[in-house]
Protein backbone atom coordinates (compact mmCIF):
# COMPACT_ATOMS: atom_id res chain seq x y z
CA UNK A 1 43.47 -105.72 -46.91
CA UNK A 2 41.06 -102.96 -45.95
CA UNK A 3 40.96 -102.16 -42.22
CA UNK A 4 40.42 -99.42 -39.70
CA UNK A 5 42.54 -99.37 -36.55
CA UNK A 6 39.55 -97.99 -34.65
CA UNK A 7 37.43 -100.97 -35.74
CA UNK A 8 40.25 -103.39 -34.87
CA UNK A 9 40.51 -101.86 -31.39
CA UNK A 10 36.76 -102.21 -30.89
CA UNK A 11 36.63 -105.80 -32.12
CA UNK A 12 39.85 -107.07 -30.48
CA UNK A 13 40.08 -104.71 -27.48
CA UNK A 14 41.47 -107.29 -25.07
CA UNK A 15 44.11 -108.71 -27.40
CA UNK A 16 45.76 -105.73 -29.13
CA UNK A 17 48.32 -103.11 -28.11
CA UNK A 18 48.02 -99.48 -29.22
CA UNK A 19 51.08 -97.28 -29.66
CA UNK A 20 50.84 -94.38 -27.20
CA UNK A 21 53.49 -92.18 -28.83
CA UNK A 22 52.25 -90.31 -31.90
CA UNK A 23 54.46 -90.77 -34.94
CA UNK A 24 54.24 -88.72 -38.13
CA UNK A 25 53.71 -90.11 -41.61
CA UNK A 26 56.45 -89.43 -44.16
CA UNK A 27 55.67 -92.16 -46.69
CA UNK A 28 53.53 -92.35 -49.78
CA UNK A 29 50.78 -94.38 -48.09
CA UNK A 30 49.03 -93.67 -44.79
CA UNK A 31 47.45 -97.08 -44.26
CA UNK A 32 49.55 -100.26 -44.23
CA UNK A 33 49.98 -103.50 -42.33
CA UNK A 34 52.11 -106.60 -42.22
CA UNK A 35 54.26 -109.01 -40.28
CA UNK A 36 56.80 -107.23 -38.06
CA UNK A 37 60.57 -107.44 -38.57
CA UNK A 38 62.37 -105.80 -35.62
CA UNK A 39 65.71 -104.02 -35.87
CA UNK A 40 67.54 -102.13 -33.14
CA UNK A 41 70.07 -99.62 -34.48
CA UNK A 42 72.83 -97.63 -32.83
CA UNK A 43 72.61 -94.43 -34.93
CA UNK A 44 74.00 -96.04 -38.08
CA UNK A 45 71.64 -97.59 -40.63
CA UNK A 46 74.17 -99.88 -42.36
CA UNK A 47 72.38 -103.12 -41.42
CA UNK A 48 68.95 -101.64 -42.20
CA UNK A 49 70.22 -100.75 -45.69
CA UNK A 50 71.19 -104.39 -46.28
CA UNK A 51 67.80 -105.66 -45.08
CA UNK A 52 65.72 -103.31 -47.24
CA UNK A 53 68.03 -103.58 -50.25
CA UNK A 54 68.73 -107.31 -50.21
CA UNK A 55 65.64 -109.03 -48.78
CA UNK A 56 62.24 -109.52 -50.30
CA UNK A 57 59.82 -107.59 -48.11
CA UNK A 58 56.79 -109.81 -48.75
CA UNK A 59 54.58 -106.96 -47.43
CA UNK A 60 56.34 -106.98 -44.06
CA UNK A 61 56.88 -103.91 -41.89
CA UNK A 62 60.31 -103.06 -40.49
CA UNK A 63 60.04 -101.68 -36.96
CA UNK A 64 63.22 -99.81 -36.08
CA UNK A 65 64.33 -98.51 -32.69
CA UNK A 66 67.08 -95.90 -32.65
CA UNK A 67 66.10 -94.58 -29.20
CA UNK A 68 65.27 -91.23 -30.80
CA UNK A 69 68.96 -90.46 -31.44
CA UNK A 70 68.96 -87.29 -33.54
CA UNK A 71 70.22 -88.86 -36.75
CA UNK A 72 68.17 -89.81 -39.80
CA UNK A 73 68.16 -93.54 -40.50
CA UNK A 74 65.80 -93.59 -43.51
CA UNK A 75 65.66 -91.34 -46.54
CA UNK A 76 64.81 -91.56 -50.20
CA UNK A 77 67.40 -94.26 -51.00
CA UNK A 78 66.16 -96.73 -48.37
CA UNK A 79 62.54 -96.01 -49.24
CA UNK A 80 63.41 -96.81 -52.86
CA UNK A 81 64.91 -100.13 -51.76
CA UNK A 82 61.83 -100.87 -49.63
CA UNK A 83 59.50 -100.15 -52.56
CA UNK A 84 61.55 -102.19 -55.05
CA UNK A 85 61.63 -105.20 -52.72
CA UNK A 86 57.99 -105.20 -51.64
CA UNK A 87 58.12 -103.88 -48.05
CA UNK A 88 54.77 -102.53 -46.82
CA UNK A 89 56.35 -99.96 -44.54
CA UNK A 90 58.85 -98.80 -41.95
CA UNK A 91 58.09 -97.59 -38.41
CA UNK A 92 60.93 -95.76 -36.67
CA UNK A 93 61.46 -94.64 -33.10
CA UNK A 94 63.78 -92.06 -34.60
CA UNK A 95 64.19 -89.68 -37.51
CA UNK A 96 64.04 -89.55 -41.31
CA UNK A 97 65.15 -87.19 -44.06
CA UNK A 98 64.49 -86.47 -47.75
CA UNK A 99 60.80 -86.29 -46.91
CA UNK A 100 59.82 -84.32 -50.00
CA UNK A 101 60.81 -87.47 -51.90
CA UNK A 102 59.80 -90.19 -49.38
CA UNK A 103 56.22 -88.88 -49.42
CA UNK A 104 56.01 -89.78 -53.12
CA UNK A 105 57.15 -93.41 -52.69
CA UNK A 106 54.22 -95.84 -52.15
CA UNK A 107 55.58 -97.36 -48.94
CA UNK A 108 54.42 -96.49 -45.42
CA UNK A 109 56.88 -94.53 -43.27
CA UNK A 110 56.27 -93.39 -39.70
CA UNK A 111 58.86 -91.60 -37.57
CA UNK A 112 59.27 -89.22 -34.65
CA UNK A 113 60.34 -86.41 -36.98
CA UNK A 114 62.95 -85.23 -39.45
CA UNK A 115 66.69 -84.59 -39.20
CA UNK A 116 68.96 -83.73 -42.13
CA UNK A 117 72.08 -85.50 -40.86
CA UNK A 118 72.95 -89.17 -40.81
CA UNK A 119 75.58 -91.06 -38.86
CA UNK A 120 78.67 -92.34 -40.62
CA UNK A 121 79.75 -94.57 -37.73
CA UNK A 122 79.64 -98.29 -38.39
CA UNK A 123 77.75 -99.96 -35.55
CA UNK A 124 76.16 -103.38 -35.52
CA UNK A 125 72.41 -103.69 -35.37
CA UNK A 126 70.40 -106.29 -33.49
CA UNK A 127 67.66 -108.00 -35.44
CA UNK A 128 64.74 -110.07 -34.21
CA UNK A 129 64.80 -108.59 -30.70
CA UNK A 130 61.82 -107.30 -28.74
CA UNK A 131 61.59 -103.51 -29.00
CA UNK A 132 59.79 -101.40 -26.43
CA UNK A 133 58.70 -97.84 -27.10
CA UNK A 134 55.48 -95.89 -27.05
CA UNK A 135 54.03 -98.09 -24.32
CA UNK A 136 54.04 -101.27 -26.42
CA UNK A 137 56.31 -104.20 -27.17
CA UNK A 138 57.06 -104.97 -30.81
CA UNK A 139 57.94 -108.63 -31.37
CA UNK A 140 59.44 -110.08 -34.50
CA UNK A 141 56.78 -112.09 -36.35
CA UNK A 142 53.75 -110.38 -34.81
CA UNK A 143 51.47 -108.10 -36.84
CA UNK A 144 51.11 -104.34 -37.13
CA UNK A 145 48.23 -102.28 -38.51
CA UNK A 146 48.64 -98.57 -39.24
CA UNK A 147 46.28 -95.91 -40.50
CA UNK A 148 45.69 -92.22 -39.86
CA UNK A 149 44.16 -92.99 -36.45
CA UNK A 150 47.10 -94.90 -35.01
CA UNK A 151 49.21 -98.03 -34.69
CA UNK A 152 47.83 -101.38 -33.48
CA UNK A 153 49.94 -104.46 -32.71
CA UNK A 154 48.62 -108.02 -32.50
CA UNK A 155 50.07 -111.48 -31.98
CA UNK A 156 47.79 -112.77 -34.72
CA UNK A 157 46.49 -111.68 -38.11
CA UNK A 158 43.31 -109.64 -37.59
CA UNK A 159 40.35 -109.80 -39.96
């Protein structure tokens, strides 16, 4: 689907949310959209690995909140899983690594920044919960639209 977040904001100004925190693109595509799957992590990405590796993405977008803990939760391996299983993208309130490789994988990836280390702790994630960061609320099952101008969230599919 072709779209412009600026046009979506103009057309649906009273019914969309716009992410106020700028995130950087580290994926192979800069424009992507899909149904939101929310995941809250506690440093460790163990449960995120299982989701991206084992579930069909069906052009969905994983929105991940790690509360900006300074550990990478996505790198080249997870991006490979996301690509293989048909995920449109990943949006992270946190950090990524292996960006020289992730930028070549045709999946969207937005994050706060980069960090070379990952956590080896095993902590349980929470899936399907409302996530709040950047002045917006991400809800499981709603829709996200991302391009070089920004991130727009909607309860409904926008056309």
